C-alpha atoms as a PDB file:
ATOM      1  CA  UNK A   1      14.299 -17.062  11.358  1.00  0.00           C
ATOM      2  CA  UNK A   2      11.818 -13.781  11.877  1.00  0.00           C
ATOM      3  CA  UNK A   3      13.520 -10.534  12.202  1.00  0.00           C
ATOM      4  CA  UNK A   4      12.702  -6.779  12.106  1.00  0.00           C
ATOM      5  CA  UNK A   5      13.945  -5.953   8.561  1.00  0.00           C
ATOM      6  CA  UNK A   6      17.596  -4.800   7.880  1.00  0.00           C
ATOM      7  CA  UNK A   7      18.269  -4.724   4.381  1.00  0.00           C
ATOM      8  CA  UNK A   8      16.442  -3.933   1.189  1.00  0.00           C
ATOM      9  CA  UNK A   9      17.723  -6.545  -0.354  1.00  0.00           C
ATOM     10  CA  UNK A  10      15.699  -9.055   1.558  1.00  0.00           C
ATOM     11  CA  UNK A  11      12.489  -7.405   0.051  1.00  0.00           C
ATOM     12  CA  UNK A  12      14.014  -8.855  -3.784  1.00  0.00           C
ATOM     13  CA  UNK A  13      12.112 -12.002  -4.635  1.00  0.00           C
ATOM     14  CA  UNK A  14       9.009 -11.008  -2.432  1.00  0.00           C
ATOM     15  CA  UNK A  15       9.045  -7.923  -4.110  1.00  0.00           C
ATOM     16  CA  UNK A  16       9.240 -10.122  -7.783  1.00  0.00           C
ATOM     17  CA  UNK A  17       6.626 -12.614  -6.479  1.00  0.00           C
ATOM     18  CA  UNK A  18       3.846  -9.435  -5.511  1.00  0.00           C
ATOM     19  CA  UNK A  19       5.026  -6.051  -6.625  1.00  0.00           C
ATOM     20  CA  UNK A  20       1.954  -4.112  -5.124  1.00  0.00           C
ATOM     21  CA  UNK A  21       2.563  -5.378  -2.423  1.00  0.00           C
ATOM     22  CA  UNK A  22       6.375  -5.484  -2.380  1.00  0.00           C
ATOM     23  CA  UNK A  23       6.282  -1.819  -3.710  1.00  0.00           C
ATOM     24  CA  UNK A  24       4.137  -0.953  -0.666  1.00  0.00           C
ATOM     25  CA  UNK A  25       6.738  -2.766   1.806  1.00  0.00           C
ATOM     26  CA  UNK A  26       9.701  -0.794  -0.052  1.00  0.00           C
ATOM     27  CA  UNK A  27       7.676   2.789   1.050  1.00  0.00           C
ATOM     28  CA  UNK A  28       7.609   1.530   4.336  1.00  0.00           C
ATOM     29  CA  UNK A  29      11.146   0.117   4.639  1.00  0.00           C
ATOM     30  CA  UNK A  30      13.058   2.771   2.881  1.00  0.00           C
ATOM     31  CA  UNK A  31      12.536   5.798   5.526  1.00  0.00           C
ATOM     32  CA  UNK A  32      13.480   3.412   8.858  1.00  0.00           C
ATOM     33  CA  UNK A  33      16.197   0.902   6.888  1.00  0.00           C
ATOM     34  CA  UNK A  34      18.285   2.932   9.002  1.00  0.00           C
ATOM     35  CA  UNK A  35      16.576   4.222  11.893  1.00  0.00           C
ATOM     36  CA  UNK A  36      15.333   0.802  13.375  1.00  0.00           C
ATOM     37  CA  UNK A  37      13.152   3.033  15.995  1.00  0.00           C
ATOM     38  CA  UNK A  38      10.627   3.262  12.922  1.00  0.00           C
ATOM     39  CA  UNK A  39      10.791   0.363  11.176  1.00  0.00           C
ATOM     40  CA  UNK A  40       8.012  -1.705  10.738  1.00  0.00           C
ATOM     41  CA  UNK A  41       8.693  -4.916   8.815  1.00  0.00           C
ATOM     42  CA  UNK A  42       9.471  -8.133   9.381  1.00  0.00           C
ATOM     43  CA  UNK A  43      10.954 -11.384   7.372  1.00  0.00           C
ATOM     44  CA  UNK A  44      10.710 -14.744   7.935  1.00  0.00           C
ATOM     45  CA  UNK A  45      14.185 -16.299   6.217  1.00  0.00           C
ATOM     46  CA  UNK A  46      15.855 -19.973   6.035  1.00  0.00           C
ATOM     47  CA  UNK A  47      18.941 -21.347   6.544  1.00  0.00           C
ATOM     48  CA  UNK A  48      20.609 -19.362   4.068  1.00  0.00           C
ATOM     49  CA  UNK A  49      19.477 -16.040   5.389  1.00  0.00           C
ATOM     50  CA  UNK A  50      17.097 -15.317   1.851  1.00  0.00           C
ATOM     51  CA  UNK A  51      13.480 -14.037   3.356  1.00  0.00           C
ATOM     52  CA  UNK A  52      10.699 -16.039   1.658  1.00  0.00           C
ATOM     53  CA  UNK A  53       7.461 -13.763   3.566  1.00  0.00           C
ATOM     54  CA  UNK A  54       7.365 -10.868   5.022  1.00  0.00           C
ATOM     55  CA  UNK A  55       4.899  -8.754   7.770  1.00  0.00           C
ATOM     56  CA  UNK A  56       4.268  -5.094   7.745  1.00  0.00           C
ATOM     57  CA  UNK A  57       2.545  -3.874  11.049  1.00  0.00           C
ATOM     58  CA  UNK A  58       0.785  -1.334  11.993  1.00  0.00           C
ATOM     59  CA  UNK A  59      -1.228   0.005  14.893  1.00  0.00           C
ATOM     60  CA  UNK A  60      -3.850  -1.901  14.152  1.00  0.00           C
ATOM     61  CA  UNK A  61      -2.986  -4.128  11.472  1.00  0.00           C
ATOM     62  CA  UNK A  62      -0.922  -6.344   9.414  1.00  0.00           C
ATOM     63  CA  UNK A  63       0.077  -6.872   5.821  1.00  0.00           C
ATOM     64  CA  UNK A  64       1.762  -9.985   5.244  1.00  0.00           C
ATOM     65  CA  UNK A  65       2.920 -11.441   1.628  1.00  0.00           C
ATOM     66  CA  UNK A  66       5.582 -13.961   0.643  1.00  0.00           C
ATOM     67  CA  UNK A  67       7.313 -15.296  -2.545  1.00  0.00           C
ATOM     68  CA  UNK A  68       4.825 -17.678  -3.532  1.00  0.00           C
ATOM     69  CA  UNK A  69       6.011 -20.072   0.071  1.00  0.00           C
ATOM     70  CA  UNK A  70       3.588 -20.725   2.052  1.00  0.00           C
ATOM     71  CA  UNK A  71       3.701 -19.299   5.602  1.00  0.00           C
ATOM     72  CA  UNK A  72       6.225 -20.743   7.719  1.00  0.00           C
ATOM     73  CA  UNK A  73       5.074 -21.881  11.369  1.00  0.00           C
ATOM     74  CA  UNK A  74       7.334 -19.344  13.138  1.00  0.00           C
ATOM     75  CA  UNK A  75       5.415 -16.502  10.694  1.00  0.00           C
ATOM     76  CA  UNK A  76       2.520 -17.658  12.045  1.00  0.00           C
ATOM     77  CA  UNK A  77       3.368 -18.016  15.343  1.00  0.00           C
ATOM     78  CA  UNK A  78       3.914 -14.183  15.196  1.00  0.00           C
ATOM     79  CA  UNK A  79       1.022 -13.141  13.676  1.00  0.00           C
ATOM     80  CA  UNK A  80      -0.871 -15.003  16.208  1.00  0.00           C
ATOM     81  CA  UNK A  81       1.242 -12.838  19.383  1.00  0.00           C
ATOM     82  CA  UNK A  82       1.195  -9.410  17.305  1.00  0.00           C
ATOM     83  CA  UNK A  83      -2.853 -10.562  17.599  1.00  0.00           C
ATOM     84  CA  UNK A  84      -3.356 -11.534  21.054  1.00  0.00           C
ATOM     85  CA  UNK A  85      -3.627  -7.836  22.663  1.00  0.00           C
ATOM     86  CA  UNK A  86      -6.772  -6.927  20.515  1.00  0.00           C
ATOM     87  CA  UNK A  87      -5.593  -4.317  18.856  1.00  0.00           C
ATOM     88  CA  UNK A  88      -4.786  -5.746  15.432  1.00  0.00           C
ATOM     89  CA  UNK A  89      -8.101  -5.272  13.710  1.00  0.00           C
ATOM     90  CA  UNK A  90      -7.455  -5.957   9.932  1.00  0.00           C
ATOM     91  CA  UNK A  91      -4.442  -8.067   7.891  1.00  0.00           C
ATOM     92  CA  UNK A  92      -4.143  -7.719   4.095  1.00  0.00           C
ATOM     93  CA  UNK A  93      -2.788 -10.466   2.327  1.00  0.00           C
ATOM     94  CA  UNK A  94      -2.030 -12.173  -0.732  1.00  0.00           C
ATOM     95  CA  UNK A  95      -3.564 -15.019  -2.611  1.00  0.00           C
ATOM     96  CA  UNK A  96      -0.487 -17.331  -1.562  1.00  0.00           C
ATOM     97  CA  UNK A  97      -1.061 -16.505   2.775  1.00  0.00           C
ATOM     98  CA  UNK A  98      -4.937 -16.170   2.280  1.00  0.00           C
ATOM     99  CA  UNK A  99      -5.482 -20.145   2.000  1.00  0.00           C
ATOM    100  CA  UNK A 100      -3.575 -20.497   6.154  1.00  0.00           C
ATOM    101  CA  UNK A 101      -5.076 -17.252   7.245  1.00  0.00           C
ATOM    102  CA  UNK A 102      -8.369 -17.986   6.886  1.00  0.00           C
ATOM    103  CA  UNK A 103      -8.133 -21.599   7.744  1.00  0.00           C
ATOM    104  CA  UNK A 104      -6.518 -20.432  11.533  1.00  0.00           C
ATOM    105  CA  UNK A 105      -8.619 -17.115  12.401  1.00  0.00           C
ATOM    106  CA  UNK A 106     -11.926 -16.427  12.092  1.00  0.00           C
ATOM    107  CA  UNK A 107     -12.622 -13.369  10.836  1.00  0.00           C
ATOM    108  CA  UNK A 108     -15.441 -11.551  11.439  1.00  0.00           C
ATOM    109  CA  UNK A 109     -15.643 -10.813   7.690  1.00  0.00           C
ATOM    110  CA  UNK A 110     -13.042 -11.075   4.530  1.00  0.00           C
ATOM    111  CA  UNK A 111     -13.219  -8.944   1.407  1.00  0.00           C
ATOM    112  CA  UNK A 112     -12.054 -10.675  -1.977  1.00  0.00           C
ATOM    113  CA  UNK A 113     -10.779  -7.324  -3.982  1.00  0.00           C
ATOM    114  CA  UNK A 114      -8.505  -7.936  -6.930  1.00  0.00           C
ATOM    115  CA  UNK A 115      -4.981  -6.106  -8.317  1.00  0.00           C
ATOM    116  CA  UNK A 116      -5.040  -4.522 -11.193  1.00  0.00           C
ATOM    117  CA  UNK A 117      -1.776  -3.721 -13.643  1.00  0.00           C
ATOM    118  CA  UNK A 118      -1.128  -1.174 -16.096  1.00  0.00           C
ATOM    119  CA  UNK A 119       1.563  -1.772 -19.005  1.00  0.00           C
ATOM    120  CA  UNK A 120       1.184   1.291 -21.070  1.00  0.00           C
ATOM    121  CA  UNK A 121       0.861   5.481 -21.089  1.00  0.00           C
ATOM    122  CA  UNK A 122      -2.583   6.668 -20.483  1.00  0.00           C
ATOM    123  CA  UNK A 123      -3.732   9.163 -23.283  1.00  0.00           C
ATOM    124  CA  UNK A 124      -5.415  11.917 -20.661  1.00  0.00           C
ATOM    125  CA  UNK A 125      -6.936  15.469 -22.286  1.00  0.00           C
ATOM    126  CA  UNK A 126      -5.463  18.000 -20.145  1.00  0.00           C
ATOM    127  CA  UNK A 127      -7.129  19.989 -17.724  1.00  0.00           C
ATOM    128  CA  UNK A 128      -7.289  23.817 -16.596  1.00  0.00           C
ATOM    129  CA  UNK A 129      -6.480  23.587 -12.323  1.00  0.00           C
ATOM    130  CA  UNK A 130      -3.242  23.805 -10.633  1.00  0.00           C
ATOM    131  CA  UNK A 131      -1.530  20.081 -10.110  1.00  0.00           C
ATOM    132  CA  UNK A 132       1.456  20.608  -7.551  1.00  0.00           C
ATOM    133  CA  UNK A 133       4.132  17.731  -8.326  1.00  0.00           C
ATOM    134  CA  UNK A 134       5.198  17.264  -4.964  1.00  0.00           C
ATOM    135  CA  UNK A 135       1.995  19.367  -3.542  1.00  0.00           C
ATOM    136  CA  UNK A 136       1.396  20.640   0.322  1.00  0.00           C
ATOM    137  CA  UNK A 137       2.059  17.728   2.780  1.00  0.00           C
ATOM    138  CA  UNK A 138      -0.864  19.579   5.043  1.00  0.00           C
ATOM    139  CA  UNK A 139      -3.048  19.426   2.190  1.00  0.00           C
ATOM    140  CA  UNK A 140      -2.472  15.407   2.054  1.00  0.00           C
ATOM    141  CA  UNK A 141      -3.176  15.272   5.204  1.00  0.00           C
ATOM    142  CA  UNK A 142      -6.743  17.254   5.873  1.00  0.00           C
ATOM    143  CA  UNK A 143      -7.386  14.948   2.680  1.00  0.00           C
ATOM    144  CA  UNK A 144      -6.751  12.010   3.731  1.00  0.00           C
ATOM    145  CA  UNK A 145      -8.706  12.439   7.121  1.00  0.00           C
ATOM    146  CA  UNK A 146     -11.718  13.663   5.285  1.00  0.00           C
ATOM    147  CA  UNK A 147     -12.075  10.234   3.055  1.00  0.00           C
ATOM    148  CA  UNK A 148     -10.330   7.962   5.879  1.00  0.00           C
ATOM    149  CA  UNK A 149     -10.487   9.746   9.389  1.00  0.00           C
ATOM    150  CA  UNK A 150      -8.728  11.648  11.870  1.00  0.00           C
ATOM    151  CA  UNK A 151      -5.296  10.384  13.193  1.00  0.00           C
ATOM    152  CA  UNK A 152      -3.579  10.162  16.155  1.00  0.00           C
ATOM    153  CA  UNK A 153      -0.668  12.870  16.665  1.00  0.00           C
ATOM    154  CA  UNK A 154       1.287   9.896  17.174  1.00  0.00           C
ATOM    155  CA  UNK A 155      -0.538   8.728  13.869  1.00  0.00           C
ATOM    156  CA  UNK A 156       0.273  11.932  12.311  1.00  0.00           C
ATOM    157  CA  UNK A 157       3.703  12.427  13.204  1.00  0.00           C
ATOM    158  CA  UNK A 158       4.758   9.260  12.104  1.00  0.00           C
ATOM    159  CA  UNK A 159       3.464  10.179   8.371  1.00  0.00           C
ATOM    160  CA  UNK A 160       5.092  12.678   8.089  1.00  0.00           C
ATOM    161  CA  UNK A 161       7.881  11.088   8.786  1.00  0.00           C
ATOM    162  CA  UNK A 162       7.350   8.446   6.992  1.00  0.00           C
ATOM    163  CA  UNK A 163       6.047  10.769   3.099  1.00  0.00           C
ATOM    164  CA  UNK A 164       8.549  13.785   3.631  1.00  0.00           C
ATOM    165  CA  UNK A 165      12.039  10.703   3.542  1.00  0.00           C
ATOM    166  CA  UNK A 166      10.275   8.989   1.172  1.00  0.00           C
ATOM    167  CA  UNK A 167      10.179  11.607  -1.182  1.00  0.00           C
ATOM    168  CA  UNK A 168      13.206  12.588  -0.018  1.00  0.00           C
ATOM    169  CA  UNK A 169      14.442   9.227  -1.260  1.00  0.00           C
ATOM    170  CA  UNK A 170      12.279   8.961  -4.188  1.00  0.00           C
ATOM    171  CA  UNK A 171       9.789   6.015  -3.083  1.00  0.00           C
ATOM    172  CA  UNK A 172       7.239   8.529  -3.013  1.00  0.00           C
ATOM    173  CA  UNK A 173       5.483  10.821  -4.976  1.00  0.00           C
ATOM    174  CA  UNK A 174       2.431  12.690  -4.185  1.00  0.00           C
ATOM    175  CA  UNK A 175       0.540  14.635  -6.834  1.00  0.00           C
ATOM    176  CA  UNK A 176      -2.288  17.182  -5.422  1.00  0.00           C
ATOM    177  CA  UNK A 177      -4.746  18.916  -7.406  1.00  0.00           C
ATOM    178  CA  UNK A 178      -6.441  22.785  -6.304  1.00  0.00           C
ATOM    179  CA  UNK A 179      -9.188  24.646  -7.557  1.00  0.00           C
ATOM    180  CA  UNK A 180      -9.336  27.908  -6.839  1.00  0.00           C
ATOM    181  CA  UNK A 181      -6.582  27.750  -4.265  1.00  0.00           C
ATOM    182  CA  UNK A 182      -7.977  24.295  -2.556  1.00  0.00           C
ATOM    183  CA  UNK A 183      -6.418  21.115  -2.446  1.00  0.00           C
ATOM    184  CA  UNK A 184      -9.344  19.227  -3.484  1.00  0.00           C
ATOM    185  CA  UNK A 185      -8.398  15.668  -5.199  1.00  0.00           C
ATOM    186  CA  UNK A 186      -4.626  14.275  -4.477  1.00  0.00           C
ATOM    187  CA  UNK A 187      -3.072  10.857  -5.980  1.00  0.00           C
ATOM    188  CA  UNK A 188       0.738   9.455  -4.918  1.00  0.00           C
ATOM    189  CA  UNK A 189       3.017   6.340  -6.227  1.00  0.00           C
ATOM    190  CA  UNK A 190       3.381   4.970  -2.773  1.00  0.00           C
ATOM    191  CA  UNK A 191       6.486   3.243  -3.378  1.00  0.00           C
ATOM    192  CA  UNK A 192       8.337   1.868  -6.376  1.00  0.00           C
ATOM    193  CA  UNK A 193      10.807  -0.851  -6.494  1.00  0.00           C
ATOM    194  CA  UNK A 194      12.912  -1.873  -9.601  1.00  0.00           C
ATOM    195  CA  UNK A 195      10.156  -3.431 -12.179  1.00  0.00           C
ATOM    196  CA  UNK A 196       6.695  -1.724 -10.227  1.00  0.00           C
ATOM    197  CA  UNK A 197       5.611   0.998  -8.671  1.00  0.00           C
ATOM    198  CA  UNK A 198       2.053   0.679  -6.342  1.00  0.00           C
ATOM    199  CA  UNK A 199      -0.412   3.581  -6.681  1.00  0.00           C
ATOM    200  CA  UNK A 200      -2.431   4.626  -3.450  1.00  0.00           C
ATOM    201  CA  UNK A 201      -4.074   7.926  -1.854  1.00  0.00           C
ATOM    202  CA  UNK A 202      -6.325   8.229  -4.493  1.00  0.00           C
ATOM    203  CA  UNK A 203      -9.159  10.735  -3.068  1.00  0.00           C
ATOM    204  CA  UNK A 204     -11.206  13.419  -4.209  1.00  0.00           C
ATOM    205  CA  UNK A 205     -13.468  15.790  -1.892  1.00  0.00           C
ATOM    206  CA  UNK A 206     -17.290  14.366  -2.075  1.00  0.00           C
ATOM    207  CA  UNK A 207     -18.265  17.809  -3.972  1.00  0.00           C
ATOM    208  CA  UNK A 208     -15.560  17.708  -6.456  1.00  0.00           C
ATOM    209  CA  UNK A 209     -16.431  14.064  -7.794  1.00  0.00           C
ATOM    210  CA  UNK A 210     -17.215  13.061 -10.880  1.00  0.00           C
ATOM    211  CA  UNK A 211     -15.079  15.621 -12.917  1.00  0.00           C
ATOM    212  CA  UNK A 212     -12.454  13.137 -13.994  1.00  0.00           C
ATOM    213  CA  UNK A 213     -10.137  14.527 -11.235  1.00  0.00           C
ATOM    214  CA  UNK A 214      -9.001  11.232  -9.739  1.00  0.00           C
ATOM    215  CA  UNK A 215      -8.536   9.656 -13.055  1.00  0.00           C
ATOM    216  CA  UNK A 216      -6.496  11.867 -14.386  1.00  0.00           C
ATOM    217  CA  UNK A 217      -4.323  12.035 -11.497  1.00  0.00           C
ATOM    218  CA  UNK A 218      -3.651   8.669 -12.075  1.00  0.00           C
ATOM    219  CA  UNK A 219      -2.851   8.659 -15.571  1.00  0.00           C
ATOM    220  CA  UNK A 220      -0.171  11.147 -14.706  1.00  0.00           C
ATOM    221  CA  UNK A 221       1.374   8.545 -11.560  1.00  0.00           C
ATOM    222  CA  UNK A 222       1.506   6.087 -14.122  1.00  0.00           C
ATOM    223  CA  UNK A 223       2.862   7.731 -16.491  1.00  0.00           C
ATOM    224  CA  UNK A 224       5.545   8.622 -14.487  1.00  0.00           C
ATOM    225  CA  UNK A 225       6.191   4.900 -13.960  1.00  0.00           C
ATOM    226  CA  UNK A 226       5.444   4.126 -17.433  1.00  0.00           C
ATOM    227  CA  UNK A 227       8.526   6.409 -18.707  1.00  0.00           C
ATOM    228  CA  UNK A 228      10.636   5.404 -15.575  1.00  0.00           C
ATOM    229  CA  UNK A 229      10.339   1.571 -16.656  1.00  0.00           C
ATOM    230  CA  UNK A 230       8.201   0.085 -14.308  1.00  0.00           C
ATOM    231  CA  UNK A 231       4.707  -1.728 -14.140  1.00  0.00           C
ATOM    232  CA  UNK A 232       1.696   0.532 -12.183  1.00  0.00           C
ATOM    233  CA  UNK A 233       0.317  -1.260  -9.710  1.00  0.00           C
ATOM    234  CA  UNK A 234      -3.012  -0.822  -7.800  1.00  0.00           C
ATOM    235  CA  UNK A 235      -5.851  -2.379  -5.608  1.00  0.00           C
ATOM    236  CA  UNK A 236      -9.661  -0.006  -5.989  1.00  0.00           C
ATOM    237  CA  UNK A 237     -11.523   0.799  -2.786  1.00  0.00           C
ATOM    238  CA  UNK A 238     -14.984  -0.718  -4.118  1.00  0.00           C
ATOM    239  CA  UNK A 239     -15.990  -2.333  -7.523  1.00  0.00           C
ATOM    240  CA  UNK A 240     -17.101   0.930  -8.791  1.00  0.00           C
ATOM    241  CA  UNK A 241     -13.391   2.401  -8.444  1.00  0.00           C
ATOM    242  CA  UNK A 242     -12.770  -0.714 -10.761  1.00  0.00           C
ATOM    243  CA  UNK A 243     -14.358   0.264 -12.987  1.00  0.00           C
ATOM    244  CA  UNK A 244     -12.466   3.635 -13.604  1.00  0.00           C
ATOM    245  CA  UNK A 245      -9.227   1.862 -13.974  1.00  0.00           C
ATOM    246  CA  UNK A 246     -10.632  -0.141 -16.483  1.00  0.00           C
ATOM    247  CA  UNK A 247     -11.376   2.147 -18.029  1.00  0.00           C
ATOM    248  CA  UNK A 248      -7.730   3.906 -17.540  1.00  0.00           C
ATOM    249  CA  UNK A 249      -6.335   0.547 -19.233  1.00  0.00           C
ATOM    250  CA  UNK A 250      -5.730  -1.157 -16.201  1.00  0.00           C
ATOM    251  CA  UNK A 251      -6.514  -5.396 -16.119  1.00  0.00           C
ATOM    252  CA  UNK A 252      -6.779  -7.735 -13.928  1.00  0.00           C
ATOM    253  CA  UNK A 253      -3.717  -9.158 -11.854  1.00  0.00           C
ATOM    254  CA  UNK A 254      -4.517 -11.270  -8.636  1.00  0.00           C
ATOM    255  CA  UNK A 255      -6.332 -11.638  -5.615  1.00  0.00           C
ATOM    256  CA  UNK A 256      -5.958  -9.394  -2.481  1.00  0.00           C
ATOM    257  CA  UNK A 257      -7.641 -10.175   0.469  1.00  0.00           C
ATOM    258  CA  UNK A 258      -8.564  -8.298   3.059  1.00  0.00           C
ATOM    259  CA  UNK A 259      -9.669 -10.444   6.738  1.00  0.00           C
ATOM    260  CA  UNK A 260     -11.384  -8.041   9.318  1.00  0.00           C
ATOM    261  CA  UNK A 261     -12.512  -8.613  13.108  1.00  0.00           C
ATOM    262  CA  UNK A 262     -13.865  -7.411  15.801  1.00  0.00           C
ATOM    263  CA  UNK A 263     -12.395  -9.200  18.343  1.00  0.00           C
ATOM    264  CA  UNK A 264     -10.003 -10.541  19.924  1.00  0.00           C
ATOM    265  CA  UNK A 265      -9.577 -13.579  18.062  1.00  0.00           C
ATOM    266  CA  UNK A 266      -9.206 -17.444  19.020  1.00  0.00           C
ATOM    267  CA  UNK A 267      -7.138 -20.238  17.501  1.00  0.00           C
ATOM    268  CA  UNK A 268      -8.911 -23.006  16.328  1.00  0.00           C
END
């Protein structure tokens, strides 16, 4: 059975198997668990009501993960229906879900990214720049827009609502580094499960790169999670960024797949 998430406990076994996806799914679900108008998480449950796979649906992408079980026929059909109007351009998935998704859809491009994990604190020298623990959400929005493009008004409003609620409920921690009063670098603990946390949105303005700002903010976020007795998980944006994280002590854990297509896909 496919249903809209109505109980965070349904994500527990999935998060145990996929800590990075699990943390992001918790962050997406927690703000709206009692406000399902904006809920974006769907789960596939067995006859006993146990969820063994889940998807997070946004305006143009779908994230798919499972507890290690193969995706069921009903979930595959559900994903197919989501893709029919051509608005979905990307599917992100874990190692378990990748083979079946790749066998069903003819994607234009498949990226094999990686998930990295950190289990120990990072020692970093102090820097003089001001760092705000929750920063200014408008400053972070501007940084994200510079890195990833402008959001539509509706997407921005939903992003504001999600971030504010996640920060209030302890799911998200946002760090912002300033230079002469200007926000120039940011990193976030995007989501937390009982045993893990995911770091995302590590962004530095181009003219301020190669000064160690991203490394420093990543270290601060990582140490917060370590102090909370959580593993630290993240997905590097590219091989060069991966090298930076590995210098901090992150290690390869498992694969992460990004499946891209440009036009409406047909089922084989």
